[in-house]
């Protein structure tokens, strides 16, 4: 049932129906990189792993990379003037 060296494996339709959960497990664990399902000896479908989920962005990843000035919330005359002109 296992693929040699984590490679490609071909199974017939009956075997795929009977052992679907094992075939999926082989893909998940890397025991097989893909499973080709054949009907009457002719390949008709391919079972492969989906790419893993993207890693979520971590908050604080830029900690220590820059500093926020103490006056960030204070009024800036230039900004105020630009808003008044708009």
N, C-alpha and C. Protein backbone atom coordinates (compact mmCIF):
# COMPACT_ATOMS: atom_id res chain seq x y z
N UNK A 1 0.81 -1.20 0.00
CA UNK A 1 0.00 0.00 0.00
C UNK A 1 0.85 1.26 0.00
N UNK A 2 2.04 1.21 0.59
CA UNK A 2 2.87 2.41 0.67
C UNK A 2 3.65 2.62 -0.61
N UNK A 3 3.87 3.89 -0.93
CA UNK A 3 4.65 4.23 -2.12
C UNK A 3 6.13 4.09 -1.78
N UNK A 4 6.90 3.68 -2.73
CA UNK A 4 8.32 3.53 -2.52
C UNK A 4 8.99 4.90 -2.42
N UNK A 5 9.55 5.20 -1.25
CA UNK A 5 10.32 6.42 -1.09
C UNK A 5 9.53 7.71 -1.20
N UNK A 6 8.25 7.70 -0.89
CA UNK A 6 7.47 8.93 -0.91
C UNK A 6 7.19 9.45 -2.31
N UNK A 7 7.19 8.60 -3.29
CA UNK A 7 6.97 9.02 -4.67
C UNK A 7 5.53 8.89 -5.11
N UNK A 8 5.37 8.66 -6.39
CA UNK A 8 4.04 8.55 -6.98
C UNK A 8 3.55 7.11 -6.90
N UNK A 9 2.28 6.97 -6.67
CA UNK A 9 1.66 5.65 -6.55
C UNK A 9 0.44 5.61 -7.44
N UNK A 10 0.21 4.52 -8.14
CA UNK A 10 -0.99 4.36 -8.98
C UNK A 10 -1.84 3.25 -8.39
N UNK A 11 -3.14 3.53 -8.24
CA UNK A 11 -4.08 2.53 -7.72
C UNK A 11 -5.28 2.47 -8.64
N UNK A 12 -5.98 1.33 -8.61
CA UNK A 12 -7.20 1.23 -9.42
C UNK A 12 -8.38 1.82 -8.64
N UNK A 13 -9.49 2.00 -9.30
CA UNK A 13 -10.66 2.64 -8.71
C UNK A 13 -11.16 1.90 -7.47
N UNK A 14 -11.21 0.58 -7.53
CA UNK A 14 -11.69 -0.20 -6.39
C UNK A 14 -10.80 -0.01 -5.18
N UNK A 15 -9.48 -0.05 -5.39
CA UNK A 15 -8.54 0.15 -4.28
C UNK A 15 -8.69 1.56 -3.71
N UNK A 16 -8.88 2.55 -4.58
CA UNK A 16 -9.05 3.93 -4.11
C UNK A 16 -10.31 4.05 -3.24
N UNK A 17 -11.41 3.43 -3.67
CA UNK A 17 -12.65 3.47 -2.90
C UNK A 17 -12.48 2.76 -1.56
N UNK A 18 -11.83 1.62 -1.58
CA UNK A 18 -11.68 0.81 -0.38
C UNK A 18 -10.72 1.43 0.63
N UNK A 19 -9.67 2.07 0.13
CA UNK A 19 -8.59 2.55 1.01
C UNK A 19 -8.39 4.06 0.93
N UNK A 20 -9.44 4.81 0.67
CA UNK A 20 -9.28 6.26 0.50
C UNK A 20 -8.62 6.91 1.71
N UNK A 21 -9.06 6.57 2.91
CA UNK A 21 -8.49 7.21 4.10
C UNK A 21 -7.00 6.89 4.24
N UNK A 22 -6.59 5.68 3.89
CA UNK A 22 -5.16 5.33 3.94
C UNK A 22 -4.37 6.10 2.88
N UNK A 23 -4.96 6.26 1.71
CA UNK A 23 -4.28 7.01 0.64
C UNK A 23 -4.11 8.47 1.04
N UNK A 24 -5.14 9.05 1.63
CA UNK A 24 -5.04 10.44 2.09
C UNK A 24 -4.00 10.55 3.19
N UNK A 25 -3.97 9.60 4.10
CA UNK A 25 -2.96 9.60 5.16
C UNK A 25 -1.55 9.51 4.59
N UNK A 26 -1.37 8.70 3.55
CA UNK A 26 -0.05 8.59 2.92
C UNK A 26 0.39 9.93 2.34
N UNK A 27 -0.56 10.67 1.77
CA UNK A 27 -0.24 12.00 1.23
C UNK A 27 0.10 12.95 2.38
N UNK A 28 -0.71 12.93 3.44
CA UNK A 28 -0.50 13.82 4.58
C UNK A 28 0.85 13.60 5.25
N UNK A 29 1.25 12.35 5.39
CA UNK A 29 2.49 12.04 6.10
C UNK A 29 3.72 12.10 5.21
N UNK A 30 3.51 12.22 3.91
CA UNK A 30 4.64 12.27 2.99
C UNK A 30 5.10 10.90 2.53
N UNK A 31 4.38 9.84 2.93
CA UNK A 31 4.73 8.49 2.46
C UNK A 31 4.55 8.39 0.95
N UNK A 32 3.67 9.22 0.39
CA UNK A 32 3.48 9.32 -1.06
C UNK A 32 3.30 10.79 -1.40
N UNK A 33 3.89 11.23 -2.51
CA UNK A 33 3.72 12.63 -2.92
C UNK A 33 2.47 12.81 -3.75
N UNK A 34 2.04 11.75 -4.43
CA UNK A 34 0.79 11.80 -5.18
C UNK A 34 0.29 10.38 -5.41
N UNK A 35 -1.02 10.27 -5.55
CA UNK A 35 -1.65 9.00 -5.85
C UNK A 35 -2.45 9.20 -7.13
N UNK A 36 -2.16 8.39 -8.13
CA UNK A 36 -2.90 8.45 -9.39
C UNK A 36 -3.95 7.35 -9.35
N UNK A 37 -5.20 7.73 -9.62
CA UNK A 37 -6.30 6.77 -9.63
C UNK A 37 -6.62 6.42 -11.08
N UNK A 38 -6.63 5.12 -11.36
CA UNK A 38 -6.85 4.65 -12.73
C UNK A 38 -8.17 3.90 -12.82
N UNK A 39 -8.81 4.04 -13.97
CA UNK A 39 -10.01 3.26 -14.28
C UNK A 39 -9.68 2.43 -15.52
N UNK A 40 -9.81 1.13 -15.39
CA UNK A 40 -9.47 0.21 -16.49
C UNK A 40 -8.04 0.43 -16.98
N UNK A 41 -7.13 0.67 -16.04
CA UNK A 41 -5.72 0.84 -16.39
C UNK A 41 -5.35 2.20 -16.93
N UNK A 42 -6.32 3.11 -17.09
CA UNK A 42 -6.05 4.45 -17.64
C UNK A 42 -6.14 5.49 -16.52
N UNK A 43 -5.08 6.29 -16.30
CA UNK A 43 -5.11 7.31 -15.24
C UNK A 43 -6.24 8.32 -15.49
N UNK A 44 -7.04 8.58 -14.44
CA UNK A 44 -8.15 9.52 -14.60
C UNK A 44 -8.16 10.61 -13.53
N UNK A 45 -7.47 10.41 -12.42
CA UNK A 45 -7.48 11.41 -11.35
C UNK A 45 -6.16 11.36 -10.59
N UNK A 46 -5.89 12.46 -9.90
CA UNK A 46 -4.64 12.54 -9.14
C UNK A 46 -4.95 13.10 -7.77
N UNK A 47 -4.45 12.46 -6.73
CA UNK A 47 -4.61 12.90 -5.36
C UNK A 47 -3.28 13.47 -4.90
N UNK A 48 -3.27 14.75 -4.56
CA UNK A 48 -2.04 15.41 -4.11
C UNK A 48 -2.35 16.23 -2.87
N UNK A 49 -1.32 16.60 -2.15
CA UNK A 49 -1.49 17.43 -0.96
C UNK A 49 -1.71 18.88 -1.35
N UNK A 50 -2.55 19.55 -0.59
CA UNK A 50 -2.73 20.99 -0.77
C UNK A 50 -1.57 21.70 -0.09
N UNK A 51 -1.22 22.90 -0.57
CA UNK A 51 -0.18 23.65 0.11
C UNK A 51 -0.63 23.99 1.53
N UNK A 52 0.31 24.03 2.43
CA UNK A 52 -0.02 24.35 3.82
C UNK A 52 -0.55 25.77 3.95
N UNK A 53 -1.23 26.05 5.04
CA UNK A 53 -1.77 27.40 5.24
C UNK A 53 -0.65 28.40 5.42
N UNK A 54 -0.92 29.62 4.98
CA UNK A 54 0.07 30.68 5.20
C UNK A 54 0.19 30.93 6.69
N UNK A 55 1.42 31.17 7.11
CA UNK A 55 1.61 31.47 8.53
C UNK A 55 1.04 32.85 8.82
N UNK A 56 0.30 32.97 9.91
CA UNK A 56 -0.28 34.28 10.23
C UNK A 56 0.81 35.28 10.59
N UNK A 57 0.52 36.53 10.34
CA UNK A 57 1.48 37.57 10.70
C UNK A 57 1.58 37.65 12.22
N UNK A 58 2.77 37.76 12.69
CA UNK A 58 2.98 37.87 14.13
C UNK A 58 3.02 39.33 14.52
N UNK A 59 2.26 39.67 15.53
CA UNK A 59 2.29 41.03 16.05
C UNK A 59 3.63 41.23 16.75
N UNK A 60 4.16 42.41 16.61
CA UNK A 60 5.40 42.73 17.28
C UNK A 60 6.64 42.24 16.56
N UNK A 61 6.49 41.80 15.33
CA UNK A 61 7.64 41.26 14.61
C UNK A 61 8.69 42.34 14.33
N UNK A 62 8.27 43.62 14.29
CA UNK A 62 9.22 44.71 14.02
C UNK A 62 9.67 45.40 15.31
N UNK A 63 9.38 44.79 16.43
CA UNK A 63 9.77 45.39 17.71
C UNK A 63 11.27 45.66 17.74
N UNK A 64 11.61 46.88 18.11
CA UNK A 64 13.00 47.27 18.19
C UNK A 64 13.60 47.74 16.88
N UNK A 65 12.85 47.71 15.79
CA UNK A 65 13.35 48.11 14.48
C UNK A 65 13.27 49.63 14.28
N UNK A 66 12.36 50.28 14.99
CA UNK A 66 12.23 51.73 14.86
C UNK A 66 11.67 52.27 16.17
N UNK A 67 11.76 53.59 16.33
CA UNK A 67 11.23 54.22 17.53
C UNK A 67 10.13 55.19 17.15
N UNK A 68 9.14 55.29 18.01
CA UNK A 68 8.03 56.22 17.80
C UNK A 68 8.34 57.46 18.63
N UNK A 69 8.34 58.64 18.01
CA UNK A 69 8.65 59.85 18.77
C UNK A 69 7.55 60.15 19.80
N UNK A 70 7.95 60.80 20.90
CA UNK A 70 6.99 61.14 21.95
C UNK A 70 5.91 62.08 21.44
N UNK A 71 6.23 62.89 20.44
CA UNK A 71 5.30 63.91 19.97
C UNK A 71 4.40 63.41 18.83
N UNK A 72 4.21 62.12 18.71
CA UNK A 72 3.45 61.60 17.56
C UNK A 72 2.00 62.06 17.57
N UNK A 73 1.43 62.29 18.75
CA UNK A 73 0.04 62.72 18.83
C UNK A 73 -0.11 64.23 18.95
N UNK A 74 0.98 64.95 19.02
CA UNK A 74 0.86 66.40 19.15
C UNK A 74 0.53 67.02 17.79
N UNK A 75 -0.01 68.22 17.84
CA UNK A 75 -0.43 68.91 16.61
C UNK A 75 0.78 69.26 15.76
N UNK A 76 0.65 69.10 14.47
CA UNK A 76 1.69 69.45 13.53
C UNK A 76 1.15 70.60 12.69
N UNK A 77 1.75 71.79 12.81
CA UNK A 77 1.22 72.96 12.10
C UNK A 77 1.15 72.76 10.58
N UNK A 78 2.12 72.12 9.98
CA UNK A 78 2.11 71.91 8.53
C UNK A 78 0.93 71.02 8.13
N UNK A 79 0.70 69.95 8.85
CA UNK A 79 -0.42 69.05 8.54
C UNK A 79 -1.74 69.80 8.70
N UNK A 80 -1.87 70.56 9.78
CA UNK A 80 -3.10 71.32 10.01
C UNK A 80 -3.34 72.31 8.88
N UNK A 81 -2.29 72.97 8.42
CA UNK A 81 -2.41 73.93 7.32
C UNK A 81 -2.84 73.23 6.03
N UNK A 82 -2.28 72.06 5.74
CA UNK A 82 -2.66 71.33 4.53
C UNK A 82 -4.13 70.90 4.58
N UNK A 83 -4.62 70.52 5.76
CA UNK A 83 -6.03 70.16 5.89
C UNK A 83 -6.93 71.37 5.68
N UNK A 84 -6.50 72.52 6.17
CA UNK A 84 -7.31 73.73 6.02
C UNK A 84 -7.38 74.17 4.56
N UNK A 85 -6.33 73.91 3.78
CA UNK A 85 -6.31 74.30 2.37
C UNK A 85 -7.17 73.38 1.51
N UNK A 86 -7.40 72.20 1.96
CA UNK A 86 -8.14 71.22 1.14
C UNK A 86 -9.62 71.50 1.07
